[in-house]
């Protein structure tokens, strides 16, 4: 007997292509929430219903409903926006949201704290900035991310163009978004019921789907963490094509051994002209064979793990009508961002700023929101969000550098000049108080955690060691913790799983070192390991590599490079 479909599958089936009862929910002024089924559908429109968990108990005692609000996420492929768009997004943050902009690990903006009665106005303001939010969340392809480290600025433009075109190609075709938020005339119910989604069908994908483009030698997007990846292969400075990767994913569930993080496999090489066809073949294979009975087991990584890479390749090639070529050689040397000024191929400059946990706000002397607003007002260039929660002020004319440097210093945006490598590379998801899945602190905990870990490193003479640390409030892994040399994955308030041993190139997962421990034990464990690392490491040996070589962590069954997994 076949297992029953998951409840969300039934909601999608009955939604009339993502319409549901959202219009009625928005009109209901008795509550700050929307109907339960609509909380699933609004994700496809780029929003999550949330509440302030810091206030839950107080409001319960007062017999009030939770402090409902909404997070809205943009669809900004490659994270590139103009200065004019930046100013409009800044105005949205201060008019409708909580006065902050948050940069995500998927090169999108998030607005937090928007109340239901202002949802439609906020969506319309985002649209007026020539940005949308459709498919930023939900069981569809989400925001396509692109490596943006400016060492390859000529190649970046070609890859960015491919990513933008693919993002548009994989966007849902339903008109529900435009009807509900932008006032487009509603089509007849019978027509809406039969509206055609040529790629996704009536029930879309079994689960979320993520695409990344990497530009070697920098793996700043963690390309092997995504359902579908494209590794740019250049020849004589031009884009020749892409190595295709499939089956990566970070999410897991505590205590459920059927769920796990997984690195993608390299499937083969495709030309630029074959990009759309290959992406659609991968998406539709997952659409047709992904698990729709258990959402915890519904990502592409499980489809491939269960059926095998050979089966998956054969099915993709059957849909393509041609065989994929063998992958081309490539090499990665780094996963993080490079900070400060870098000159591009055309004589223009790029300034990579450190934005801790991606949160842009005015706090004390660090007036980051105001500073970036003032930079946007004079900038003859663009902004690029990185997939490491940082920001590049890009394509700056040489004559503008001095003015931008002055604004950066005035508003405390120059922390990258003195920050340790640990602080520059650290990532954290939002988690508490707004994320419904958060089990422990992440973004709010990161500053004090960094202070304590930096003190340990300094005590052992390791202050300049480029160690990657990431914090996730739950095992779903939005900060890609399983690819960090040191990661904390939330288990309960103040308690984490300590994960260790990934490499610095995004090509090896870490593994559990200690389970469900508090800060005291975390620091004690790291203190001892840092002492050994300082005394026993080899020249230029990374912390994660040392932990494996020294036997602190048992080696995995094999350590192939991603390219070798295809042989």
Protein backbone atom coordinates (compact mmCIF):
# COMPACT_ATOMS: atom_id res chain seq x y z
CA UNK A 1 0.00 0.00 0.00
CA UNK A 2 1.30 3.42 -0.90
CA UNK A 3 1.91 5.81 1.99
CA UNK A 4 -0.52 8.73 2.18
CA UNK A 5 0.52 12.13 0.89
CA UNK A 6 1.78 14.62 3.43
CA UNK A 7 -0.73 17.27 4.58
CA UNK A 8 1.11 20.01 2.68
CA UNK A 9 0.65 18.08 -0.57
CA UNK A 10 -3.10 18.18 0.00
CA UNK A 11 -2.98 21.92 0.69
CA UNK A 12 -1.09 22.54 -2.56
CA UNK A 13 -3.51 20.37 -4.51
CA UNK A 14 -6.52 22.34 -3.27
CA UNK A 15 -4.84 25.75 -3.54
CA UNK A 16 -5.83 26.63 -7.13
CA UNK A 17 -2.19 27.28 -7.94
CA UNK A 18 -1.23 29.01 -4.69
CA UNK A 19 -4.34 31.16 -4.21
CA UNK A 20 -5.91 29.29 -1.33
CA UNK A 21 -7.91 31.64 0.90
CA UNK A 22 -5.16 34.24 1.18
CA UNK A 23 -7.44 37.08 0.09
CA UNK A 24 -9.90 36.23 2.86
CA UNK A 25 -7.09 35.81 5.40
CA UNK A 26 -5.70 39.24 4.63
CA UNK A 27 -9.16 40.80 4.96
CA UNK A 28 -9.77 39.24 8.39
CA UNK A 29 -9.00 42.03 10.87
CA UNK A 30 -9.99 40.00 13.95
CA UNK A 31 -6.56 38.36 14.10
CA UNK A 32 -3.01 39.23 13.16
CA UNK A 33 -2.57 35.74 11.73
CA UNK A 34 -3.74 34.05 8.53
CA UNK A 35 -5.55 30.73 8.15
CA UNK A 36 -3.48 27.62 8.88
CA UNK A 37 -3.44 26.33 5.29
CA UNK A 38 -2.52 29.78 4.04
CA UNK A 39 0.62 29.78 6.21
CA UNK A 40 1.95 27.09 3.86
CA UNK A 41 0.86 28.86 0.68
CA UNK A 42 2.21 32.30 1.60
CA UNK A 43 5.70 30.82 1.59
CA UNK A 44 5.46 30.46 -2.20
CA UNK A 45 4.78 34.20 -2.29
CA UNK A 46 8.00 34.89 -0.37
CA UNK A 47 6.73 35.27 3.19
CA UNK A 48 6.59 33.37 6.47
CA UNK A 49 4.18 33.97 9.33
CA UNK A 50 6.12 34.35 12.59
CA UNK A 51 5.63 35.53 16.13
CA UNK A 52 7.92 37.12 18.70
CA UNK A 53 8.85 34.16 20.87
CA UNK A 54 10.31 36.45 23.52
CA UNK A 55 6.75 37.65 24.15
CA UNK A 56 4.89 34.34 23.89
CA UNK A 57 4.55 33.57 27.58
CA UNK A 58 3.74 37.15 28.56
CA UNK A 59 1.00 37.36 25.96
CA UNK A 60 -0.36 33.96 26.91
CA UNK A 61 -0.70 35.07 30.50
CA UNK A 62 -2.48 38.20 29.30
CA UNK A 63 -4.81 35.98 27.25
CA UNK A 64 -3.65 37.66 24.05
CA UNK A 65 -2.82 35.93 20.78
CA UNK A 66 0.88 35.68 19.89
CA UNK A 67 2.58 38.81 18.56
CA UNK A 68 2.10 37.79 14.95
CA UNK A 69 4.19 39.33 12.19
CA UNK A 70 5.59 38.33 8.83
CA UNK A 71 9.02 37.95 7.31
CA UNK A 72 9.31 38.78 3.60
CA UNK A 73 12.22 37.56 1.49
CA UNK A 74 13.19 38.87 -1.94
CA UNK A 75 14.02 36.99 -5.11
CA UNK A 76 17.23 38.71 -6.20
CA UNK A 77 19.26 36.27 -8.33
CA UNK A 78 22.94 36.71 -7.62
CA UNK A 79 22.13 39.37 -5.04
CA UNK A 80 22.74 42.29 -7.40
CA UNK A 81 20.77 45.53 -6.86
CA UNK A 82 21.20 49.09 -8.06
CA UNK A 83 21.66 52.07 -5.71
CA UNK A 84 18.11 53.17 -6.52
CA UNK A 85 16.78 49.76 -5.53
CA UNK A 86 18.83 49.85 -2.34
CA UNK A 87 17.27 53.15 -1.32
CA UNK A 88 13.78 51.80 -1.93
CA UNK A 89 14.52 48.67 0.10
CA UNK A 90 15.91 50.86 2.88
CA UNK A 91 12.68 52.84 2.89
CA UNK A 92 10.65 49.63 3.13
CA UNK A 93 12.72 48.48 6.11
CA UNK A 94 12.14 51.71 8.00
CA UNK A 95 8.49 52.20 6.97
CA UNK A 96 6.99 48.73 7.23
CA UNK A 97 9.56 46.44 8.90
CA UNK A 98 11.60 46.59 12.11
CA UNK A 99 14.12 49.15 10.85
CA UNK A 100 16.70 46.61 9.71
CA UNK A 101 17.72 44.90 6.49
CA UNK A 102 18.98 41.34 6.74
CA UNK A 103 21.26 39.81 4.14
CA UNK A 104 20.79 36.05 3.83
CA UNK A 105 23.14 33.24 2.90
CA UNK A 106 21.15 33.01 -0.34
CA UNK A 107 21.90 36.59 -1.45
CA UNK A 108 18.40 37.82 -0.64
CA UNK A 109 17.03 40.56 1.57
CA UNK A 110 14.74 39.73 4.46
CA UNK A 111 12.35 42.16 6.11
CA UNK A 112 11.19 41.25 9.62
CA UNK A 113 8.33 42.46 11.78
CA UNK A 114 5.75 43.32 9.12
CA UNK A 115 2.19 43.17 10.43
CA UNK A 116 -0.61 41.63 8.38
CA UNK A 117 -2.44 44.85 7.58
CA UNK A 118 0.73 46.17 5.88
CA UNK A 119 1.68 43.02 3.99
CA UNK A 120 0.11 44.07 0.71
CA UNK A 121 1.57 47.58 0.86
CA UNK A 122 5.01 46.14 1.56
CA UNK A 123 4.79 43.73 -1.36
CA UNK A 124 3.74 46.57 -3.64
CA UNK A 125 6.65 48.71 -2.46
CA UNK A 126 9.06 45.86 -3.22
CA UNK A 127 7.52 45.53 -6.67
CA UNK A 128 7.95 49.27 -7.21
CA UNK A 129 11.68 48.70 -6.66
CA UNK A 130 11.54 46.28 -9.64
CA UNK A 131 12.11 43.34 -7.30
CA UNK A 132 9.69 40.56 -6.45
CA UNK A 133 9.34 37.91 -3.77
CA UNK A 134 7.61 35.11 -5.66
CA UNK A 135 9.30 31.73 -5.13
CA UNK A 136 11.70 33.14 -2.54
CA UNK A 137 10.31 30.38 -0.30
CA UNK A 138 8.10 27.33 -0.80
CA UNK A 139 8.37 24.05 -2.72
CA UNK A 140 9.89 25.59 -5.84
CA UNK A 141 13.25 26.75 -7.03
CA UNK A 142 14.28 29.54 -4.68
CA UNK A 143 16.67 32.45 -5.12
CA UNK A 144 19.52 31.45 -7.44
CA UNK A 145 22.87 32.35 -5.94
CA UNK A 146 26.12 33.27 -7.71
CA UNK A 147 29.73 33.49 -6.61
CA UNK A 148 30.57 37.18 -6.39
CA UNK A 149 34.14 37.42 -5.15
CA UNK A 150 35.46 40.04 -7.57
CA UNK A 151 38.73 38.36 -8.52
CA UNK A 152 36.97 37.14 -11.68
CA UNK A 153 34.85 40.15 -12.47
CA UNK A 154 34.73 39.59 -16.24
CA UNK A 155 33.59 36.00 -15.86
CA UNK A 156 31.17 37.01 -13.12
CA UNK A 157 29.11 39.07 -15.55
CA UNK A 158 28.60 36.06 -17.82
CA UNK A 159 27.69 33.75 -14.95
CA UNK A 160 25.38 36.36 -13.42
CA UNK A 161 23.55 36.67 -16.72
CA UNK A 162 23.08 32.89 -16.91
CA UNK A 163 21.78 32.81 -13.33
CA UNK A 164 19.28 35.60 -13.91
CA UNK A 165 17.93 33.90 -17.01
CA UNK A 166 17.67 30.56 -15.23
CA UNK A 167 15.91 32.17 -12.27
CA UNK A 168 13.28 33.58 -14.60
CA UNK A 169 12.95 30.27 -16.42
CA UNK A 170 12.31 28.34 -13.18
CA UNK A 171 9.88 30.90 -11.74
CA UNK A 172 6.30 29.63 -11.20
CA UNK A 173 3.87 30.81 -13.87
CA UNK A 174 0.81 31.15 -11.61
CA UNK A 175 -0.80 34.60 -11.62
CA UNK A 176 -1.82 34.25 -7.96
CA UNK A 177 1.07 36.44 -6.76
CA UNK A 178 0.09 39.29 -9.05
CA UNK A 179 -3.62 39.02 -8.24
CA UNK A 180 -3.24 38.92 -4.45
CA UNK A 181 -0.47 41.45 -3.91
CA UNK A 182 -0.36 43.71 -6.97
CA UNK A 183 -4.03 44.06 -7.85
CA UNK A 184 -4.00 42.24 -11.15
CA UNK A 185 -7.52 41.36 -12.26
CA UNK A 186 -8.55 37.99 -10.91
CA UNK A 187 -9.25 35.36 -13.53
CA UNK A 188 -12.33 33.16 -13.30
CA UNK A 189 -12.18 30.37 -10.72
CA UNK A 190 -12.62 27.71 -13.38
CA UNK A 191 -9.69 29.10 -15.33
CA UNK A 192 -7.58 29.43 -12.18
CA UNK A 193 -8.31 25.80 -11.34
CA UNK A 194 -6.99 24.73 -14.73
CA UNK A 195 -4.13 27.22 -14.99
CA UNK A 196 -1.08 25.52 -16.43
CA UNK A 197 2.25 25.26 -14.63
CA UNK A 198 4.36 23.76 -17.44
CA UNK A 199 7.32 22.98 -15.19
CA UNK A 200 5.91 22.40 -11.72
CA UNK A 201 2.44 21.00 -12.31
CA UNK A 202 -0.46 21.29 -9.91
CA UNK A 203 1.46 20.38 -6.73
CA UNK A 204 4.86 21.97 -7.48
CA UNK A 205 7.92 20.20 -6.02
CA UNK A 206 7.95 17.83 -3.05
CA UNK A 207 10.15 20.27 -1.13
CA UNK A 208 12.32 23.37 -1.56
CA UNK A 209 14.93 23.42 -4.32
CA UNK A 210 18.13 25.46 -4.34
CA UNK A 211 20.48 26.38 -7.19
CA UNK A 212 23.99 27.83 -6.96
CA UNK A 213 26.59 29.00 -9.49
CA UNK A 214 30.25 28.86 -8.42
CA UNK A 215 33.21 30.55 -10.10
CA UNK A 216 36.48 28.72 -9.28
CA UNK A 217 38.83 28.99 -7.56
CA UNK A 218 36.48 30.43 -4.91
CA UNK A 219 33.65 28.30 -3.59
CA UNK A 220 31.99 31.19 -1.74
CA UNK A 221 28.52 29.77 -2.49
CA UNK A 222 29.28 26.30 -1.02
CA UNK A 223 28.14 24.82 -4.31
CA UNK A 224 28.04 21.24 -2.99
CA UNK A 225 25.42 22.22 -0.40
CA UNK A 226 22.70 22.73 -3.01
CA UNK A 227 20.19 20.61 -4.90
CA UNK A 228 21.62 21.79 -8.22
CA UNK A 229 24.93 23.49 -8.82
CA UNK A 230 26.82 24.88 -11.79
CA UNK A 231 30.61 25.23 -11.58
CA UNK A 232 31.79 27.69 -14.20
CA UNK A 233 34.47 26.36 -16.54
CA UNK A 234 36.41 29.11 -18.28
CA UNK A 235 38.62 28.97 -21.35
CA UNK A 236 40.77 31.92 -22.40
CA UNK A 237 38.79 34.17 -20.07
CA UNK A 238 35.40 33.23 -21.52
CA UNK A 239 32.66 31.01 -20.14
CA UNK A 240 32.90 27.59 -21.80
CA UNK A 241 30.16 25.87 -19.81
CA UNK A 242 29.45 24.30 -16.44
CA UNK A 243 30.10 21.19 -14.44
CA UNK A 244 26.70 20.18 -13.05
CA UNK A 245 26.33 19.07 -9.43
CA UNK A 246 23.23 17.45 -7.93
CA UNK A 247 21.93 16.25 -4.60
CA UNK A 248 23.41 18.54 -1.99
CA UNK A 249 21.49 19.75 1.04
CA UNK A 250 22.10 20.84 4.61
CA UNK A 251 18.87 20.09 6.46
CA UNK A 252 18.44 17.24 8.95
CA UNK A 253 16.21 16.36 11.88
CA UNK A 254 17.59 15.59 15.34
CA UNK A 255 17.13 11.91 16.18
CA UNK A 256 15.97 10.88 12.70
CA UNK A 257 18.70 8.82 11.05
CA UNK A 258 16.85 8.90 7.72
CA UNK A 259 17.75 12.58 7.46
CA UNK A 260 21.26 13.91 7.00
CA UNK A 261 23.32 16.64 5.34
CA UNK A 262 24.75 15.56 2.01
CA UNK A 263 27.31 16.88 -0.44
CA UNK A 264 26.32 17.05 -4.08
CA UNK A 265 27.78 14.74 -6.72
CA UNK A 266 29.26 15.99 -9.97
CA UNK A 267 26.98 14.76 -12.76
CA UNK A 268 28.79 15.95 -15.87
CA UNK A 269 29.60 18.93 -18.07
CA UNK A 270 27.17 21.01 -20.14
CA UNK A 271 27.58 23.94 -22.50
CA UNK A 272 26.01 27.30 -21.75
CA UNK A 273 23.33 26.59 -24.36
CA UNK A 274 22.34 23.38 -22.54
CA UNK A 275 21.88 25.08 -19.18
CA UNK A 276 18.08 25.43 -19.27
CA UNK A 277 17.46 21.94 -20.56
CA UNK A 278 19.63 20.31 -17.89
CA UNK A 279 18.12 22.38 -15.07
CA UNK A 280 14.59 21.51 -16.17
CA UNK A 281 15.45 17.83 -16.51
CA UNK A 282 16.81 17.77 -12.95
CA UNK A 283 13.83 19.71 -11.59
CA UNK A 284 11.23 17.55 -13.31
CA UNK A 285 12.96 14.33 -12.25
CA UNK A 286 12.71 15.48 -8.65
CA UNK A 287 9.13 16.61 -9.27
CA UNK A 288 8.14 13.15 -10.45
CA UNK A 289 10.21 10.94 -8.13
CA UNK A 290 10.73 12.97 -4.93
CA UNK A 291 9.06 11.75 -1.74
CA UNK A 292 5.67 13.43 -1.28
CA UNK A 293 4.72 11.36 1.78
CA UNK A 294 7.32 12.64 4.26
CA UNK A 295 8.54 16.23 4.02
CA UNK A 296 11.57 15.41 6.16
CA UNK A 297 12.65 13.02 3.40
CA UNK A 298 11.54 15.05 0.38
CA UNK A 299 14.66 16.84 -0.86
CA UNK A 300 16.54 15.81 -3.99
CA UNK A 301 19.42 14.50 -1.89
CA UNK A 302 17.20 11.70 -0.61
CA UNK A 303 15.92 10.84 -4.07
CA UNK A 304 19.53 10.36 -5.21
CA UNK A 305 20.62 8.63 -2.01
CA UNK A 306 17.72 6.15 -2.28
CA UNK A 307 17.85 5.44 -6.02
CA UNK A 308 21.54 5.98 -6.77
CA UNK A 309 23.45 8.48 -8.87
CA UNK A 310 23.61 6.15 -11.89
CA UNK A 311 19.81 5.88 -11.95
CA UNK A 312 19.48 9.64 -11.59
CA UNK A 313 21.92 10.38 -14.40
CA UNK A 314 20.13 7.93 -16.69
CA UNK A 315 16.76 9.52 -15.97
CA UNK A 316 18.07 13.05 -16.54
CA UNK A 317 19.72 11.99 -19.81
CA UNK A 318 16.52 10.26 -20.92
CA UNK A 319 14.65 13.53 -20.48
CA UNK A 320 17.40 15.49 -22.19
CA UNK A 321 17.69 13.19 -25.17
CA UNK A 322 21.49 13.33 -25.01
CA UNK A 323 24.30 12.16 -22.75
CA UNK A 324 26.14 14.53 -20.47
CA UNK A 325 29.81 15.03 -21.19
CA UNK A 326 32.45 14.08 -18.59
CA UNK A 327 33.13 16.83 -16.07
CA UNK A 328 36.00 19.23 -16.74
CA UNK A 329 38.83 19.71 -14.22
CA UNK A 330 38.33 22.42 -11.61
CA UNK A 331 39.79 23.36 -8.25
CA UNK A 332 38.56 25.36 -5.27
CA UNK A 333 40.85 26.96 -2.71
CA UNK A 334 38.57 29.00 -0.49
CA UNK A 335 34.96 29.25 0.73
CA UNK A 336 34.79 32.68 2.35
CA UNK A 337 34.79 36.26 1.12
CA UNK A 338 37.80 38.46 0.47
CA UNK A 339 37.46 41.83 2.16
CA UNK A 340 38.56 45.32 1.29
CA UNK A 341 39.15 46.86 -2.13
CA UNK A 342 39.78 44.74 -5.23
CA UNK A 343 40.34 46.10 -8.72
CA UNK A 344 38.26 44.55 -11.49
CA UNK A 345 39.29 43.76 -15.04
CA UNK A 346 37.96 47.10 -16.30
CA UNK A 347 39.69 49.40 -13.83
CA UNK A 348 36.65 49.79 -11.56
CA UNK A 349 36.80 48.76 -7.93
CA UNK A 350 34.89 46.50 -5.52
CA UNK A 351 34.75 46.97 -1.74
CA UNK A 352 33.72 43.92 0.28
CA UNK A 353 32.29 44.92 3.66
CA UNK A 354 31.78 42.62 6.64
CA UNK A 355 28.15 42.57 7.86
CA UNK A 356 28.01 40.43 10.99
CA UNK A 357 25.22 37.83 10.67
CA UNK A 358 23.95 39.89 7.72
CA UNK A 359 22.03 42.33 9.92
CA UNK A 360 22.16 45.93 8.70
CA UNK A 361 20.98 48.27 11.44
CA UNK A 362 21.82 51.48 13.25
CA UNK A 363 23.14 50.45 16.67
CA UNK A 364 25.12 52.92 18.72
CA UNK A 365 28.16 54.18 16.86
CA UNK A 366 27.70 51.55 14.16
CA UNK A 367 25.19 53.32 11.96
CA UNK A 368 25.35 50.78 9.16
CA UNK A 369 21.86 51.33 7.77
CA UNK A 370 22.41 55.09 7.53
CA UNK A 371 25.91 54.64 6.14
CA UNK A 372 24.83 52.37 3.32
CA UNK A 373 21.94 54.70 2.54
CA UNK A 374 24.44 57.55 2.13
CA UNK A 375 26.69 55.36 -0.01
CA UNK A 376 23.73 54.46 -2.22
CA UNK A 377 22.93 58.15 -2.68
CA UNK A 378 26.31 58.79 -4.32
CA UNK A 379 27.24 55.40 -5.78
CA UNK A 380 27.86 55.07 -9.50
CA UNK A 381 27.90 51.29 -9.43
CA UNK A 382 25.89 48.54 -7.76
CA UNK A 383 25.58 46.44 -4.61
CA UNK A 384 26.23 42.69 -4.54
CA UNK A 385 25.11 40.55 -1.64
CA UNK A 386 27.44 37.65 -0.94
CA UNK A 387 26.27 34.21 0.13
CA UNK A 388 28.26 34.71 3.34
CA UNK A 389 25.99 37.50 4.62
CA UNK A 390 28.34 40.25 3.49
CA UNK A 391 28.04 43.13 1.04
CA UNK A 392 30.13 44.31 -1.90
CA UNK A 393 29.97 47.92 -3.01
CA UNK A 394 30.74 47.05 -6.60
CA UNK A 395 31.83 48.67 -9.86
CA UNK A 396 33.06 51.81 -8.14
CA UNK A 397 34.79 54.43 -10.27
CA UNK A 398 38.30 55.23 -9.00
CA UNK A 399 37.26 58.84 -8.34
CA UNK A 400 34.58 57.66 -5.87
CA UNK A 401 36.80 55.52 -3.67
CA UNK A 402 37.82 58.27 -1.27
CA UNK A 403 34.24 59.42 -0.67
CA UNK A 404 33.05 55.87 -0.05
CA UNK A 405 35.97 55.17 2.29
CA UNK A 406 35.05 58.25 4.29
CA UNK A 407 31.43 57.09 4.67
CA UNK A 408 32.55 53.59 5.59
CA UNK A 409 34.76 54.96 8.37
CA UNK A 410 32.18 57.49 9.59
CA UNK A 411 29.47 54.87 10.04
CA UNK A 412 31.54 52.05 11.52
CA UNK A 413 31.44 49.88 8.41
CA UNK A 414 35.22 49.42 8.46
CA UNK A 415 35.32 46.58 10.97
CA UNK A 416 36.75 44.29 8.31
CA UNK A 417 40.06 46.16 8.59
CA UNK A 418 40.75 44.92 12.12
CA UNK A 419 38.52 41.84 12.55
CA UNK A 420 40.10 38.43 13.04
CA UNK A 421 39.71 35.78 10.32
CA UNK A 422 37.35 33.92 12.66
CA UNK A 423 35.03 36.93 12.92
CA UNK A 424 35.21 37.71 9.21
CA UNK A 425 34.15 34.20 8.20
CA UNK A 426 31.51 33.40 10.84
CA UNK A 427 27.89 32.80 9.83
CA UNK A 428 24.68 32.58 11.84
CA UNK A 429 21.03 32.07 10.98
CA UNK A 430 18.32 34.29 12.50
CA UNK A 431 16.78 31.71 14.86
CA UNK A 432 15.23 33.26 17.99
CA UNK A 433 13.08 35.19 18.55
CA UNK A 434 11.27 35.05 15.20
CA UNK A 435 12.06 31.71 13.53
CA UNK A 436 9.47 29.10 14.50
CA UNK A 437 12.04 26.31 14.10
CA UNK A 438 14.75 27.83 16.31
CA UNK A 439 15.78 25.65 19.24
CA UNK A 440 18.67 27.79 20.46
CA UNK A 441 20.08 31.26 19.85
CA UNK A 442 22.17 31.92 16.74
CA UNK A 443 22.34 35.49 15.41
CA UNK A 444 21.96 37.07 18.86
CA UNK A 445 24.51 34.66 20.33
CA UNK A 446 27.16 35.07 17.65
CA UNK A 447 28.85 38.28 18.95
CA UNK A 448 29.50 36.97 22.47
CA UNK A 449 30.47 33.53 21.17
CA UNK A 450 33.03 35.09 18.85
CA UNK A 451 34.48 37.12 21.72
CA UNK A 452 35.01 33.97 23.78
CA UNK A 453 36.40 31.82 20.98
CA UNK A 454 38.70 34.65 19.83
CA UNK A 455 40.07 34.87 23.38
CA UNK A 456 40.91 31.16 23.30
CA UNK A 457 42.61 31.45 19.92
CA UNK A 458 44.65 34.44 21.08
CA UNK A 459 45.73 32.59 24.22
CA UNK A 460 47.14 29.83 22.03
CA UNK A 461 48.80 32.17 19.52
CA UNK A 462 46.19 31.40 16.88
CA UNK A 463 44.56 34.80 16.51
CA UNK A 464 45.32 34.90 12.77
CA UNK A 465 44.20 31.34 12.03
CA UNK A 466 41.53 31.38 9.29
CA UNK A 467 39.07 29.05 11.02
CA UNK A 468 35.46 28.86 9.80
CA UNK A 469 32.74 28.93 12.49
CA UNK A 470 28.99 28.78 11.90
CA UNK A 471 26.00 28.72 14.23
CA UNK A 472 22.57 27.33 13.44
CA UNK A 473 19.65 27.52 15.83
CA UNK A 474 18.30 24.18 14.61
CA UNK A 475 19.42 21.26 12.43
CA UNK A 476 17.82 22.64 9.26
CA UNK A 477 21.12 24.38 8.61
CA UNK A 478 20.32 27.76 7.01
CA UNK A 479 23.84 28.94 7.88
CA UNK A 480 25.29 25.84 6.16
CA UNK A 481 26.82 24.68 9.47
CA UNK A 482 27.76 21.19 8.29
CA UNK A 483 30.42 22.70 6.02
CA UNK A 484 32.17 24.60 8.83
CA UNK A 485 35.37 23.61 10.58
CA UNK A 486 33.54 24.47 13.82
CA UNK A 487 29.75 24.49 13.97
CA UNK A 488 27.16 24.79 16.71
CA UNK A 489 23.79 23.28 15.87
CA UNK A 490 21.02 24.13 18.31
CA UNK A 491 19.39 21.40 20.42
CA UNK A 492 17.67 23.41 23.18
CA UNK A 493 18.04 26.85 24.79
CA UNK A 494 21.75 27.27 25.54
CA UNK A 495 22.66 23.79 24.29
CA UNK A 496 24.21 22.72 20.98
CA UNK A 497 25.73 19.86 19.08
CA UNK A 498 29.41 20.63 18.49
CA UNK A 499 30.32 19.68 14.91
CA UNK A 500 33.94 19.63 13.75
CA UNK A 501 36.17 18.75 10.83
CA UNK A 502 34.98 20.26 7.55
CA UNK A 503 37.62 21.64 5.21
CA UNK A 504 38.23 25.19 4.01
CA UNK A 505 37.07 24.50 0.44
CA UNK A 506 33.50 23.35 1.01
CA UNK A 507 34.26 19.79 -0.12
CA UNK A 508 33.98 17.83 3.14
CA UNK A 509 31.24 17.65 5.74
CA UNK A 510 32.00 17.94 9.42
CA UNK A 511 30.73 15.40 11.93
CA UNK A 512 29.39 15.28 15.46
CA UNK A 513 32.05 15.69 18.15
CA UNK A 514 29.95 16.31 21.28
CA UNK A 515 26.16 16.23 21.58
CA UNK A 516 23.85 18.56 23.51
CA UNK A 517 26.46 20.55 25.45
CA UNK A 518 26.40 24.05 26.90
CA UNK A 519 28.79 26.95 26.37
CA UNK A 520 31.11 25.95 29.21
CA UNK A 521 31.68 22.52 27.68
CA UNK A 522 31.91 23.93 24.15
CA UNK A 523 34.69 26.30 25.18
CA UNK A 524 36.47 23.61 27.17
CA UNK A 525 36.46 21.29 24.17
CA UNK A 526 37.74 24.01 21.84
CA UNK A 527 40.40 25.10 24.31
CA UNK A 528 41.96 21.66 24.35
CA UNK A 529 41.75 21.26 20.60
CA UNK A 530 43.27 24.70 19.96
CA UNK A 531 46.18 23.78 22.25
CA UNK A 532 46.88 20.67 20.22
CA UNK A 533 46.45 22.55 16.93
CA UNK A 534 48.95 25.22 17.99
CA UNK A 535 51.51 22.61 19.03
CA UNK A 536 51.09 19.94 16.36
CA UNK A 537 49.84 21.53 13.13
CA UNK A 538 51.80 21.39 9.93
CA UNK A 539 52.59 24.42 7.81
CA UNK A 540 49.44 25.98 6.32
CA UNK A 541 47.32 23.11 7.69
CA UNK A 542 43.70 24.05 8.26
CA UNK A 543 42.00 23.34 11.57
CA UNK A 544 39.55 20.87 10.09
CA UNK A 545 42.31 19.06 8.22
CA UNK A 546 44.37 18.87 11.41
CA UNK A 547 41.52 17.29 13.35
CA UNK A 548 41.38 14.45 10.83
CA UNK A 549 45.12 13.96 10.41
CA UNK A 550 45.78 13.96 14.14
CA UNK A 551 43.09 11.39 14.84
CA UNK A 552 40.90 13.69 16.93
CA UNK A 553 38.14 12.80 14.47
CA UNK A 554 37.91 9.41 12.82
CA UNK A 555 38.32 9.75 9.05
CA UNK A 556 35.28 9.16 6.88
CA UNK A 557 35.16 5.94 4.86
CA UNK A 558 36.66 7.82 1.93
CA UNK A 559 37.69 11.36 1.14
CA UNK A 560 37.18 11.71 -2.62
CA UNK A 561 37.18 15.09 -4.22
CA UNK A 562 33.79 15.92 -5.73
CA UNK A 563 35.26 15.41 -9.20
CA UNK A 564 36.41 11.91 -8.27
CA UNK A 565 32.91 10.90 -7.18
CA UNK A 566 31.92 10.67 -10.84
CA UNK A 567 34.44 7.96 -11.65
